[in-house]
Amino acid sequence: AGGIADKDWERALKAAAKPNIQKKGSLNEFGMGMKCAAYWFSRKWA
């Protein structure tokens, strides 16, 4: 896919940090999914 640009990089990795553009119905509307899921599976990830 399109990857994560620098402008979204820190928000992508900091838990509880919402994405810049919040559209109703956006799949990552709350900015928590990847981080929550990663740490649920494992304490170490890359």
PDB file of all heavy atoms in Angstrom:
ATOM      1  N   ALA A   1       0.836  -1.199   0.000  1.00  0.00           N
ATOM      2  CA  ALA A   1       0.000   0.000   0.000  1.00  0.00           C
ATOM      3  C   ALA A   1       0.874   1.254   0.000  1.00  0.00           C
ATOM      4  O   ALA A   1       2.042   1.204  -0.397  1.00  0.00           O
ATOM      5  CB  ALA A   1      -0.934  -0.027   1.216  1.00  0.00           C
ATOM      6  N   GLY A   2       0.330   2.372   0.467  1.00  0.00           N
ATOM      7  CA  GLY A   2       1.029   3.653   0.360  1.00  0.00           C
ATOM      8  C   GLY A   2       2.085   3.927   1.396  1.00  0.00           C
ATOM      9  O   GLY A   2       2.814   4.917   1.298  1.00  0.00           O
ATOM     10  N   GLY A   3       2.218   3.053   2.407  1.00  0.00           N
ATOM     11  CA  GLY A   3       3.217   3.262   3.445  1.00  0.00           C
ATOM     12  C   GLY A   3       2.859   4.404   4.387  1.00  0.00           C
ATOM     13  O   GLY A   3       1.812   5.041   4.258  1.00  0.00           O
ATOM     14  N   ILE A   4       3.745   4.661   5.351  1.00  0.00           N
ATOM     15  CA  ILE A   4       3.519   5.709   6.347  1.00  0.00           C
ATOM     16  C   ILE A   4       4.483   6.857   6.099  1.00  0.00           C
ATOM     17  O   ILE A   4       5.698   6.690   6.200  1.00  0.00           O
ATOM     18  CB  ILE A   4       3.704   5.169   7.783  1.00  0.00           C
ATOM     19  CG1 ILE A   4       2.790   3.959   8.015  1.00  0.00           C
ATOM     20  CG2 ILE A   4       3.413   6.277   8.804  1.00  0.00           C
ATOM     21  CD1 ILE A   4       3.049   3.250   9.336  1.00  0.00           C
ATOM     22  N   ALA A   5       3.951   8.014   5.777  1.00  0.00           N
ATOM     23  CA  ALA A   5       4.781   9.188   5.497  1.00  0.00           C
ATOM     24  C   ALA A   5       5.283   9.816   6.790  1.00  0.00           C
ATOM     25  O   ALA A   5       4.738   9.573   7.870  1.00  0.00           O
ATOM     26  CB  ALA A   5       3.979  10.213   4.701  1.00  0.00           C
ATOM     27  N   ASP A   6       6.322  10.634   6.689  1.00  0.00           N
ATOM     28  CA  ASP A   6       6.903  11.277   7.865  1.00  0.00           C
ATOM     29  C   ASP A   6       5.870  12.058   8.670  1.00  0.00           C
ATOM     30  O   ASP A   6       5.908  12.063   9.899  1.00  0.00           O
ATOM     31  CB  ASP A   6       8.037  12.226   7.450  1.00  0.00           C
ATOM     32  CG  ASP A   6       9.368  11.500   7.296  1.00  0.00           C
ATOM     33  OD1 ASP A   6       9.450  10.313   7.684  1.00  0.00           O
ATOM     34  OD2 ASP A   6      10.329  12.113   6.805  1.00  0.00           O
ATOM     35  N   LYS A   7       4.938  12.698   7.985  1.00  0.00           N
ATOM     36  CA  LYS A   7       3.953  13.530   8.692  1.00  0.00           C
ATOM     37  C   LYS A   7       3.034  12.702   9.582  1.00  0.00           C
ATOM     38  O   LYS A   7       2.424  13.229  10.525  1.00  0.00           O
ATOM     39  CB  LYS A   7       3.129  14.347   7.696  1.00  0.00           C
ATOM     40  CG  LYS A   7       2.253  13.526   6.771  1.00  0.00           C
ATOM     41  CD  LYS A   7       1.518  14.418   5.777  1.00  0.00           C
ATOM     42  CE  LYS A   7       0.630  13.605   4.825  1.00  0.00           C
ATOM     43  NZ  LYS A   7      -0.473  12.927   5.538  1.00  0.00           N
ATOM     44  N   ASP A   8       2.922  11.403   9.321  1.00  0.00           N
ATOM     45  CA  ASP A   8       2.069  10.516  10.117  1.00  0.00           C
ATOM     46  C   ASP A   8       2.866   9.534  10.966  1.00  0.00           C
ATOM     47  O   ASP A   8       2.289   8.741  11.704  1.00  0.00           O
ATOM     48  CB  ASP A   8       1.139   9.715   9.188  1.00  0.00           C
ATOM     49  CG  ASP A   8       0.245  10.617   8.363  1.00  0.00           C
ATOM     50  OD1 ASP A   8      -0.333  11.552   8.944  1.00  0.00           O
ATOM     51  OD2 ASP A   8       0.135  10.390   7.140  1.00  0.00           O
ATOM     52  N   TRP A   9       4.175   9.572  10.866  1.00  0.00           N
ATOM     53  CA  TRP A   9       5.058   8.564  11.448  1.00  0.00           C
ATOM     54  C   TRP A   9       4.925   8.484  12.964  1.00  0.00           C
ATOM     55  O   TRP A   9       4.739   7.424  13.534  1.00  0.00           O
ATOM     56  CB  TRP A   9       6.489   8.880  11.025  1.00  0.00           C
ATOM     57  CG  TRP A   9       7.589   7.955  11.424  1.00  0.00           C
ATOM     58  CD1 TRP A   9       8.797   8.346  11.912  1.00  0.00           C
ATOM     59  CD2 TRP A   9       7.653   6.529  11.328  1.00  0.00           C
ATOM     60  NE1 TRP A   9       9.602   7.255  12.134  1.00  0.00           N
ATOM     61  CE2 TRP A   9       8.919   6.123  11.784  1.00  0.00           C
ATOM     62  CE3 TRP A   9       6.750   5.545  10.919  1.00  0.00           C
ATOM     63  CZ2 TRP A   9       9.317   4.798  11.842  1.00  0.00           C
ATOM     64  CZ3 TRP A   9       7.136   4.212  10.972  1.00  0.00           C
ATOM     65  CH2 TRP A   9       8.406   3.853  11.428  1.00  0.00           C
ATOM     66  N   GLU A  10       5.024   9.608  13.648  1.00  0.00           N
ATOM     67  CA  GLU A  10       4.963   9.576  15.110  1.00  0.00           C
ATOM     68  C   GLU A  10       3.582   9.196  15.610  1.00  0.00           C
ATOM     69  O   GLU A  10       3.447   8.430  16.562  1.00  0.00           O
ATOM     70  CB  GLU A  10       5.393  10.915  15.697  1.00  0.00           C
ATOM     71  CG  GLU A  10       5.537  10.861  17.221  1.00  0.00           C
ATOM     72  CD  GLU A  10       6.378  11.983  17.781  1.00  0.00           C
ATOM     73  OE1 GLU A  10       7.534  12.150  17.342  1.00  0.00           O
ATOM     74  OE2 GLU A  10       5.860  12.706  18.654  1.00  0.00           O
ATOM     75  N   ARG A  11       2.536   9.709  14.962  1.00  0.00           N
ATOM     76  CA  ARG A  11       1.176   9.343  15.365  1.00  0.00           C
ATOM     77  C   ARG A  11       0.931   7.855  15.175  1.00  0.00           C
ATOM     78  O   ARG A  11       0.156   7.245  15.909  1.00  0.00           O
ATOM     79  CB  ARG A  11       0.145  10.153  14.572  1.00  0.00           C
ATOM     80  CG  ARG A  11      -0.064  11.560  15.087  1.00  0.00           C
ATOM     81  CD  ARG A  11      -1.168  12.262  14.303  1.00  0.00           C
ATOM     82  NE  ARG A  11      -0.805  12.408  12.894  1.00  0.00           N
ATOM     83  CZ  ARG A  11      -0.038  13.375  12.422  1.00  0.00           C
ATOM     84  NH1 ARG A  11       0.463  14.275  13.245  1.00  0.00           N
ATOM     85  NH2 ARG A  11       0.247  13.458  11.142  1.00  0.00           N
ATOM     86  N   ALA A  12       1.580   7.267  14.199  1.00  0.00           N
ATOM     87  CA  ALA A  12       1.378   5.840  13.932  1.00  0.00           C
ATOM     88  C   ALA A  12       1.933   4.968  15.047  1.00  0.00           C
ATOM     89  O   ALA A  12       1.439   3.867  15.283  1.00  0.00           O
ATOM     90  CB  ALA A  12       2.036   5.461  12.611  1.00  0.00           C
ATOM     91  N   LEU A  13       2.955   5.455  15.761  1.00  0.00           N
ATOM     92  CA  LEU A  13       3.626   4.627  16.757  1.00  0.00           C
ATOM     93  C   LEU A  13       3.321   4.994  18.192  1.00  0.00           C
ATOM     94  O   LEU A  13       3.583   4.206  19.097  1.00  0.00           O
ATOM     95  CB  LEU A  13       5.142   4.672  16.536  1.00  0.00           C
ATOM     96  CG  LEU A  13       5.626   4.064  15.213  1.00  0.00           C
ATOM     97  CD1 LEU A  13       7.134   4.096  15.144  1.00  0.00           C
ATOM     98  CD2 LEU A  13       5.124   2.635  15.056  1.00  0.00           C
ATOM     99  N   LYS A  14       2.791   6.172  18.434  1.00  0.00           N
ATOM    100  CA  LYS A  14       2.480   6.570  19.800  1.00  0.00           C
ATOM    101  C   LYS A  14       1.042   6.213  20.122  1.00  0.00           C
ATOM    102  O   LYS A  14       0.115   6.689  19.489  1.00  0.00           O
ATOM    103  CB  LYS A  14       2.696   8.070  20.000  1.00  0.00           C
ATOM    104  CG  LYS A  14       2.475   8.505  21.452  1.00  0.00           C
ATOM    105  CD  LYS A  14       2.750   9.979  21.641  1.00  0.00           C
ATOM    106  CE  LYS A  14       2.528  10.374  23.100  1.00  0.00           C
ATOM    107  NZ  LYS A  14       2.760  11.808  23.338  1.00  0.00           N
ATOM    108  N   ALA A  15       0.855   5.359  21.120  1.00  0.00           N
ATOM    109  CA  ALA A  15      -0.493   4.945  21.499  1.00  0.00           C
ATOM    110  C   ALA A  15      -1.280   6.149  22.002  1.00  0.00           C
ATOM    111  O   ALA A  15      -0.746   7.030  22.663  1.00  0.00           O
ATOM    112  CB  ALA A  15      -0.439   3.871  22.585  1.00  0.00           C
ATOM    113  N   ALA A  16      -2.565   6.163  21.673  1.00  0.00           N
ATOM    114  CA  ALA A  16      -3.499   7.220  22.053  1.00  0.00           C
ATOM    115  C   ALA A  16      -3.300   8.498  21.254  1.00  0.00           C
ATOM    116  O   ALA A  16      -3.841   9.534  21.588  1.00  0.00           O
ATOM    117  CB  ALA A  16      -3.434   7.528  23.549  1.00  0.00           C
ATOM    118  N   ALA A  17      -2.502   8.432  20.177  1.00  0.00           N
ATOM    119  CA  ALA A  17      -2.345   9.588  19.297  1.00  0.00           C
ATOM    120  C   ALA A  17      -3.206   9.373  18.072  1.00  0.00           C
ATOM    121  O   ALA A  17      -3.012   8.424  17.310  1.00  0.00           O
ATOM    122  CB  ALA A  17      -0.887   9.745  18.893  1.00  0.00           C
ATOM    123  N   LYS A  18      -4.174  10.234  17.845  1.00  0.00           N
ATOM    124  CA  LYS A  18      -5.122  10.058  16.744  1.00  0.00           C
ATOM    125  C   LYS A  18      -4.526  10.546  15.431  1.00  0.00           C
ATOM    126  O   LYS A  18      -3.679  11.432  15.412  1.00  0.00           O
ATOM    127  CB  LYS A  18      -6.412  10.819  17.031  1.00  0.00           C
ATOM    128  CG  LYS A  18      -7.190  10.259  18.217  1.00  0.00           C
ATOM    129  CD  LYS A  18      -8.501  10.997  18.387  1.00  0.00           C
ATOM    130  CE  LYS A  18      -9.292  10.420  19.557  1.00  0.00           C
ATOM    131  NZ  LYS A  18     -10.592  11.118  19.721  1.00  0.00           N
ATOM    132  N   PRO A  19      -4.978   9.978  14.300  1.00  0.00           N
ATOM    133  CA  PRO A  19      -4.494  10.445  13.003  1.00  0.00           C
ATOM    134  C   PRO A  19      -4.943  11.866  12.726  1.00  0.00           C
ATOM    135  O   PRO A  19      -5.912  12.344  13.299  1.00  0.00           O
ATOM    136  CB  PRO A  19      -5.118   9.455  12.010  1.00  0.00           C
ATOM    137  CG  PRO A  19      -6.289   8.877  12.727  1.00  0.00           C
ATOM    138  CD  PRO A  19      -5.937   8.873  14.176  1.00  0.00           C
ATOM    139  N   ASN A  20      -4.226  12.553  11.837  1.00  0.00           N
ATOM    140  CA  ASN A  20      -4.524  13.948  11.496  1.00  0.00           C
ATOM    141  C   ASN A  20      -5.929  14.119  10.952  1.00  0.00           C
ATOM    142  O   ASN A  20      -6.686  14.963  11.369  1.00  0.00           O
ATOM    143  CB  ASN A  20      -3.520  14.437  10.435  1.00  0.00           C
ATOM    144  CG  ASN A  20      -2.520  15.392  11.046  1.00  0.00           C
ATOM    145  OD1 ASN A  20      -2.679  15.830  12.173  1.00  0.00           O
ATOM    146  ND2 ASN A  20      -1.475  15.692  10.309  1.00  0.00           N
ATOM    147  N   ILE A  21      -6.264  13.304   9.949  1.00  0.00           N
ATOM    148  CA  ILE A  21      -7.552  13.439   9.268  1.00  0.00           C
ATOM    149  C   ILE A  21      -8.525  12.416   9.840  1.00  0.00           C
ATOM    150  O   ILE A  21      -8.301  11.219   9.745  1.00  0.00           O
ATOM    151  CB  ILE A  21      -7.397  13.221   7.747  1.00  0.00           C
ATOM    152  CG1 ILE A  21      -6.422  14.246   7.178  1.00  0.00           C
ATOM    153  CG2 ILE A  21      -8.735  13.309   7.055  1.00  0.00           C
ATOM    154  CD1 ILE A  21      -6.065  14.002   5.739  1.00  0.00           C
ATOM    155  N   GLN A  22      -9.572  12.882  10.459  1.00  0.00           N
ATOM    156  CA  GLN A  22     -10.530  11.987  11.090  1.00  0.00           C
ATOM    157  C   GLN A  22     -11.845  12.011  10.320  1.00  0.00           C
ATOM    158  O   GLN A  22     -12.641  12.925  10.464  1.00  0.00           O
ATOM    159  CB  GLN A  22     -10.771  12.425  12.534  1.00  0.00           C
ATOM    160  CG  GLN A  22      -9.488  12.516  13.313  1.00  0.00           C
ATOM    161  CD  GLN A  22      -9.461  11.563  14.479  1.00  0.00           C
ATOM    162  OE1 GLN A  22     -10.449  10.934  14.812  1.00  0.00           O
ATOM    163  NE2 GLN A  22      -8.328  11.446  15.084  1.00  0.00           N
ATOM    164  N   LYS A  23     -12.018  11.054   9.474  1.00  0.00           N
ATOM    165  CA  LYS A  23     -13.249  10.978   8.708  1.00  0.00           C
ATOM    166  C   LYS A  23     -14.144   9.906   9.326  1.00  0.00           C
ATOM    167  O   LYS A  23     -13.681   8.822   9.653  1.00  0.00           O
ATOM    168  CB  LYS A  23     -12.951  10.620   7.246  1.00  0.00           C
ATOM    169  CG  LYS A  23     -12.173  11.698   6.509  1.00  0.00           C
ATOM    170  CD  LYS A  23     -11.909  11.278   5.076  1.00  0.00           C
ATOM    171  CE  LYS A  23     -11.131  12.332   4.313  1.00  0.00           C
ATOM    172  NZ  LYS A  23     -10.827  11.912   2.938  1.00  0.00           N
ATOM    173  N   LYS A  24     -15.403  10.218   9.463  1.00  0.00           N
ATOM    174  CA  LYS A  24     -16.335   9.242  10.007  1.00  0.00           C
ATOM    175  C   LYS A  24     -16.364   8.032   9.097  1.00  0.00           C
ATOM    176  O   LYS A  24     -16.521   8.146   7.896  1.00  0.00           O
ATOM    177  CB  LYS A  24     -17.731   9.858  10.118  1.00  0.00           C
ATOM    178  CG  LYS A  24     -18.708   8.976  10.891  1.00  0.00           C
ATOM    179  CD  LYS A  24     -20.017   9.681  11.100  1.00  0.00           C
ATOM    180  CE  LYS A  24     -20.962   8.796  11.917  1.00  0.00           C
ATOM    181  NZ  LYS A  24     -22.267   9.458  12.135  1.00  0.00           N
ATOM    182  N   GLY A  25     -16.157   6.846   9.719  1.00  0.00           N
ATOM    183  CA  GLY A  25     -16.148   5.632   8.928  1.00  0.00           C
ATOM    184  C   GLY A  25     -14.763   5.237   8.458  1.00  0.00           C
ATOM    185  O   GLY A  25     -14.578   4.174   7.870  1.00  0.00           O
ATOM    186  N   SER A  26     -13.762   6.077   8.717  1.00  0.00           N
ATOM    187  CA  SER A  26     -12.387   5.721   8.358  1.00  0.00           C
ATOM    188  C   SER A  26     -11.972   4.493   9.150  1.00  0.00           C
ATOM    189  O   SER A  26     -12.284   4.360  10.334  1.00  0.00           O
ATOM    190  CB  SER A  26     -11.453   6.891   8.681  1.00  0.00           C
ATOM    191  OG  SER A  26     -10.109   6.505   8.528  1.00  0.00           O
ATOM    192  N   LEU A  27     -11.253   3.578   8.512  1.00  0.00           N
ATOM    193  CA  LEU A  27     -10.888   2.334   9.177  1.00  0.00           C
ATOM    194  C   LEU A  27      -9.977   2.546  10.373  1.00  0.00           C
ATOM    195  O   LEU A  27      -9.975   1.757  11.304  1.00  0.00           O
ATOM    196  CB  LEU A  27     -10.224   1.389   8.164  1.00  0.00           C
ATOM    197  CG  LEU A  27     -11.149   0.858   7.075  1.00  0.00           C
ATOM    198  CD1 LEU A  27     -10.358   0.060   6.056  1.00  0.00           C
ATOM    199  CD2 LEU A  27     -12.243  -0.004   7.672  1.00  0.00           C
ATOM    200  N   ASN A  28      -9.154   3.605  10.337  1.00  0.00           N
ATOM    201  CA  ASN A  28      -8.281   3.880  11.486  1.00  0.00           C
ATOM    202  C   ASN A  28      -8.700   5.182  12.170  1.00  0.00           C
ATOM    203  O   ASN A  28      -7.884   5.986  12.573  1.00  0.00           O
ATOM    204  CB  ASN A  28      -6.812   3.933  11.068  1.00  0.00           C
ATOM    205  CG  ASN A  28      -6.564   4.888   9.925  1.00  0.00           C
ATOM    206  OD1 ASN A  28      -7.461   5.612   9.502  1.00  0.00           O
ATOM    207  ND2 ASN A  28      -5.343   4.909   9.430  1.00  0.00           N
ATOM    208  N   GLU A  29      -9.989   5.334  12.328  1.00  0.00           N
ATOM    209  CA  GLU A  29     -10.575   6.566  12.849  1.00  0.00           C
ATOM    210  C   GLU A  29     -10.015   6.971  14.207  1.00  0.00           C
ATOM    211  O   GLU A  29      -9.835   8.143  14.498  1.00  0.00           O
ATOM    212  CB  GLU A  29     -12.093   6.392  12.946  1.00  0.00           C
ATOM    213  CG  GLU A  29     -12.829   7.619  13.441  1.00  0.00           C
ATOM    214  CD  GLU A  29     -14.331   7.405  13.459  1.00  0.00           C
ATOM    215  OE1 GLU A  29     -14.788   6.325  13.039  1.00  0.00           O
ATOM    216  OE2 GLU A  29     -15.039   8.324  13.904  1.00  0.00           O
ATOM    217  N   PHE A  30      -9.733   5.989  15.068  1.00  0.00           N
ATOM    218  CA  PHE A  30      -9.323   6.317  16.423  1.00  0.00           C
ATOM    219  C   PHE A  30      -7.818   6.219  16.653  1.00  0.00           C
ATOM    220  O   PHE A  30      -7.327   6.505  17.734  1.00  0.00           O
ATOM    221  CB  PHE A  30     -10.065   5.412  17.414  1.00  0.00           C
ATOM    222  CG  PHE A  30     -11.553   5.549  17.291  1.00  0.00           C
ATOM    223  CD1 PHE A  30     -12.307   4.563  16.683  1.00  0.00           C
ATOM    224  CD2 PHE A  30     -12.191   6.691  17.735  1.00  0.00           C
ATOM    225  CE1 PHE A  30     -13.670   4.709  16.546  1.00  0.00           C
ATOM    226  CE2 PHE A  30     -13.559   6.844  17.603  1.00  0.00           C
ATOM    227  CZ  PHE A  30     -14.307   5.853  17.007  1.00  0.00           C
ATOM    228  N   GLY A  31      -7.056   5.813  15.641  1.00  0.00           N
ATOM    229  CA  GLY A  31      -5.611   5.835  15.728  1.00  0.00           C
ATOM    230  C   GLY A  31      -5.005   4.859  16.713  1.00  0.00           C
ATOM    231  O   GLY A  31      -3.900   5.054  17.205  1.00  0.00           O
ATOM    232  N   MET A  32      -5.717   3.804  17.085  1.00  0.00           N
ATOM    233  CA  MET A  32      -5.230   2.881  18.101  1.00  0.00           C
ATOM    234  C   MET A  32      -4.959   1.475  17.575  1.00  0.00           C
ATOM    235  O   MET A  32      -4.212   0.721  18.172  1.00  0.00           O
ATOM    236  CB  MET A  32      -6.258   2.775  19.237  1.00  0.00           C
ATOM    237  CG  MET A  32      -6.355   4.026  20.093  1.00  0.00           C
ATOM    238  SD  MET A  32      -4.851   4.336  21.035  1.00  0.00           S
ATOM    239  CE  MET A  32      -4.934   2.974  22.198  1.00  0.00           C
ATOM    240  N   GLY A  33      -5.560   1.093  16.454  1.00  0.00           N
ATOM    241  CA  GLY A  33      -5.585  -0.297  16.021  1.00  0.00           C
ATOM    242  C   GLY A  33      -4.257  -1.012  15.966  1.00  0.00           C
ATOM    243  O   GLY A  33      -4.064  -2.032  16.610  1.00  0.00           O
ATOM    244  N   MET A  34      -3.305  -0.499  15.168  1.00  0.00           N
ATOM    245  CA  MET A  34      -2.041  -1.199  14.973  1.00  0.00           C
ATOM    246  C   MET A  34      -1.277  -1.370  16.274  1.00  0.00           C
ATOM    247  O   MET A  34      -0.765  -2.449  16.572  1.00  0.00           O
ATOM    248  CB  MET A  34      -1.172  -0.440  13.968  1.00  0.00           C
ATOM    249  CG  MET A  34       0.188  -1.063  13.742  1.00  0.00           C
ATOM    250  SD  MET A  34       1.210  -0.165  12.558  1.00  0.00           S
ATOM    251  CE  MET A  34       1.631   1.295  13.518  1.00  0.00           C
ATOM    252  N   LYS A  35      -1.213  -0.320  17.085  1.00  0.00           N
ATOM    253  CA  LYS A  35      -0.438  -0.372  18.317  1.00  0.00           C
ATOM    254  C   LYS A  35      -1.073  -1.332  19.320  1.00  0.00           C
ATOM    255  O   LYS A  35      -0.386  -2.141  19.940  1.00  0.00           O
ATOM    256  CB  LYS A  35      -0.329   1.036  18.899  1.00  0.00           C
ATOM    257  CG  LYS A  35       0.524   1.959  18.041  1.00  0.00           C
ATOM    258  CD  LYS A  35       0.147   3.415  18.164  1.00  0.00           C
ATOM    259  CE  LYS A  35      -1.158   3.729  17.479  1.00  0.00           C
ATOM    260  NZ  LYS A  35      -1.405   5.169  17.307  1.00  0.00           N
ATOM    261  N   CYS A  36      -2.387  -1.246  19.478  1.00  0.00           N
ATOM    262  CA  CYS A  36      -3.085  -2.146  20.401  1.00  0.00           C
ATOM    263  C   CYS A  36      -2.891  -3.601  19.998  1.00  0.00           C
ATOM    264  O   CYS A  36      -2.564  -4.457  20.819  1.00  0.00           O
ATOM    265  CB  CYS A  36      -4.575  -1.822  20.431  1.00  0.00           C
ATOM    266  SG  CYS A  36      -4.985  -0.247  21.206  1.00  0.00           S
ATOM    267  N   ALA A  37      -3.100  -3.877  18.716  1.00  0.00           N
ATOM    268  CA  ALA A  37      -3.008  -5.246  18.224  1.00  0.00           C
ATOM    269  C   ALA A  37      -1.588  -5.788  18.343  1.00  0.00           C
ATOM    270  O   ALA A  37      -1.378  -6.947  18.724  1.00  0.00           O
ATOM    271  CB  ALA A  37      -3.470  -5.310  16.770  1.00  0.00           C
ATOM    272  N   ALA A  38      -0.593  -4.953  18.022  1.00  0.00           N
ATOM    273  CA  ALA A  38       0.799  -5.396  18.081  1.00  0.00           C
ATOM    274  C   ALA A  38       1.192  -5.796  19.500  1.00  0.00           C
ATOM    275  O   ALA A  38       1.767  -6.865  19.727  1.00  0.00           O
ATOM    276  CB  ALA A  38       1.726  -4.304  17.560  1.00  0.00           C
ATOM    277  N   TYR A  39       0.873  -4.943  20.464  1.00  0.00           N
ATOM    278  CA  TYR A  39       1.247  -5.245  21.847  1.00  0.00           C
ATOM    279  C   TYR A  39       0.371  -6.327  22.461  1.00  0.00           C
ATOM    280  O   TYR A  39       0.751  -6.945  23.455  1.00  0.00           O
ATOM    281  CB  TYR A  39       1.198  -3.979  22.700  1.00  0.00           C
ATOM    282  CG  TYR A  39       2.363  -3.043  22.433  1.00  0.00           C
ATOM    283  CD1 TYR A  39       2.154  -1.748  21.974  1.00  0.00           C
ATOM    284  CD2 TYR A  39       3.673  -3.468  22.627  1.00  0.00           C
ATOM    285  CE1 TYR A  39       3.223  -0.901  21.723  1.00  0.00           C
ATOM    286  CE2 TYR A  39       4.749  -2.629  22.376  1.00  0.00           C
ATOM    287  CZ  TYR A  39       4.508  -1.344  21.927  1.00  0.00           C
ATOM    288  OH  TYR A  39       5.569  -0.505  21.671  1.00  0.00           O
ATOM    289  N   TRP A  40      -0.807  -6.567  21.896  1.00  0.00           N
ATOM    290  CA  TRP A  40      -1.618  -7.693  22.358  1.00  0.00           C
ATOM    291  C   TRP A  40      -0.955  -9.009  21.967  1.00  0.00           C
ATOM    292  O   TRP A  40      -0.915  -9.949  22.751  1.00  0.00           O
ATOM    293  CB  TRP A  40      -3.017  -7.610  21.747  1.00  0.00           C
ATOM    294  CG  TRP A  40      -3.949  -8.703  22.210  1.00  0.00           C
ATOM    295  CD1 TRP A  40      -4.644  -8.749  23.377  1.00  0.00           C
ATOM    296  CD2 TRP A  40      -4.271  -9.912  21.512  1.00  0.00           C
ATOM    297  NE1 TRP A  40      -5.394  -9.902  23.455  1.00  0.00           N
ATOM    298  CE2 TRP A  40      -5.179 -10.633  22.321  1.00  0.00           C
ATOM    299  CE3 TRP A  40      -3.890 -10.446  20.280  1.00  0.00           C
ATOM    300  CZ2 TRP A  40      -5.706 -11.861  21.931  1.00  0.00           C
ATOM    301  CZ3 TRP A  40      -4.420 -11.679  19.892  1.00  0.00           C
ATOM    302  CH2 TRP A  40      -5.313 -12.369  20.708  1.00  0.00           C
ATOM    303  N   PHE A  41      -0.404  -9.043  20.750  1.00  0.00           N
ATOM    304  CA  PHE A  41       0.288 -10.251  20.291  1.00  0.00           C
ATOM    305  C   PHE A  41       1.635 -10.432  20.965  1.00  0.00           C
ATOM    306  O   PHE A  41       2.028 -11.538  21.324  1.00  0.00           O
ATOM    307  CB  PHE A  41       0.511 -10.200  18.778  1.00  0.00           C
ATOM    308  CG  PHE A  41      -0.614 -10.761  17.964  1.00  0.00           C
ATOM    309  CD1 PHE A  41      -1.381  -9.933  17.157  1.00  0.00           C
ATOM    310  CD2 PHE A  41      -0.916 -12.114  17.984  1.00  0.00           C
ATOM    311  CE1 PHE A  41      -2.418 -10.444  16.384  1.00  0.00           C
ATOM    312  CE2 PHE A  41      -1.951 -12.642  17.224  1.00  0.00           C
ATOM    313  CZ  PHE A  41      -2.710 -11.800  16.426  1.00  0.00           C
ATOM    314  N   SER A  42       2.385  -9.356  21.107  1.00  0.00           N
ATOM    315  CA  SER A  42       3.781  -9.491  21.520  1.00  0.00           C
ATOM    316  C   SER A  42       4.295  -8.225  22.199  1.00  0.00           C
ATOM    317  O   SER A  42       3.880  -7.110  21.861  1.00  0.00           O
ATOM    318  CB  SER A  42       4.644  -9.789  20.289  1.00  0.00           C
ATOM    319  OG  SER A  42       6.008  -9.774  20.615  1.00  0.00           O
ATOM    320  N   ARG A  43       5.228  -8.403  23.114  1.00  0.00           N
ATOM    321  CA  ARG A  43       5.847  -7.252  23.777  1.00  0.00           C
ATOM    322  C   ARG A  43       6.981  -6.683  22.930  1.00  0.00           C
ATOM    323  O   ARG A  43       7.506  -5.610  23.220  1.00  0.00           O
ATOM    324  CB  ARG A  43       6.362  -7.644  25.161  1.00  0.00           C
ATOM    325  CG  ARG A  43       5.253  -8.124  26.096  1.00  0.00           C
ATOM    326  CD  ARG A  43       5.774  -8.498  27.460  1.00  0.00           C
ATOM    327  NE  ARG A  43       6.066  -7.339  28.285  1.00  0.00           N
ATOM    328  CZ  ARG A  43       5.171  -6.692  29.024  1.00  0.00           C
ATOM    329  NH1 ARG A  43       3.907  -7.074  29.024  1.00  0.00           N
ATOM    330  NH2 ARG A  43       5.525  -5.656  29.751  1.00  0.00           N
ATOM    331  N   LYS A  44       7.375  -7.419  21.869  1.00  0.00           N
ATOM    332  CA  LYS A  44       8.431  -6.941  20.970  1.00  0.00           C
ATOM    333  C   LYS A  44       7.957  -7.056  19.525  1.00  0.00           C
ATOM    334  O   LYS A  44       7.512  -8.127  19.099  1.00  0.00           O
ATOM    335  CB  LYS A  44       9.713  -7.764  21.147  1.00  0.00           C
ATOM    336  CG  LYS A  44      10.387  -7.589  22.495  1.00  0.00           C
ATOM    337  CD  LYS A  44      11.676  -8.403  22.564  1.00  0.00           C
ATOM    338  CE  LYS A  44      12.370  -8.212  23.905  1.00  0.00           C
ATOM    339  NZ  LYS A  44      13.643  -8.978  23.985  1.00  0.00           N
ATOM    340  N   TRP A  45       8.038  -5.955  18.796  1.00  0.00           N
ATOM    341  CA  TRP A  45       7.652  -5.987  17.390  1.00  0.00           C
ATOM    342  C   TRP A  45       8.422  -4.921  16.626  1.00  0.00           C
ATOM    343  O   TRP A  45       9.051  -4.055  17.222  1.00  0.00           O
ATOM    344  CB  TRP A  45       6.144  -5.804  17.224  1.00  0.00           C
ATOM    345  CG  TRP A  45       5.560  -4.524  17.730  1.00  0.00           C
ATOM    346  CD1 TRP A  45       5.387  -4.169  19.040  1.00  0.00           C
ATOM    347  CD2 TRP A  45       5.043  -3.440  16.958  1.00  0.00           C
ATOM    348  NE1 TRP A  45       4.796  -2.933  19.136  1.00  0.00           N
ATOM    349  CE2 TRP A  45       4.570  -2.448  17.875  1.00  0.00           C
ATOM    350  CE3 TRP A  45       4.912  -3.200  15.591  1.00  0.00           C
ATOM    351  CZ2 TRP A  45       4.000  -1.253  17.458  1.00  0.00           C
ATOM    352  CZ3 TRP A  45       4.336  -1.997  15.174  1.00  0.00           C
ATOM    353  CH2 TRP A  45       3.889  -1.052  16.100  1.00  0.00           C
ATOM    354  N   ALA A  46       8.405  -5.052  15.321  1.00  0.00           N
ATOM    355  CA  ALA A  46       9.151  -4.111  14.470  1.00  0.00           C
ATOM    356  C   ALA A  46       8.280  -3.682  13.310  1.00  0.00           C
ATOM    357  O   ALA A  46       7.404  -4.431  12.854  1.00  0.00           O
ATOM    358  CB  ALA A  46      10.425  -4.767  13.955  1.00  0.00           C
TER     359      ALA A  46
END
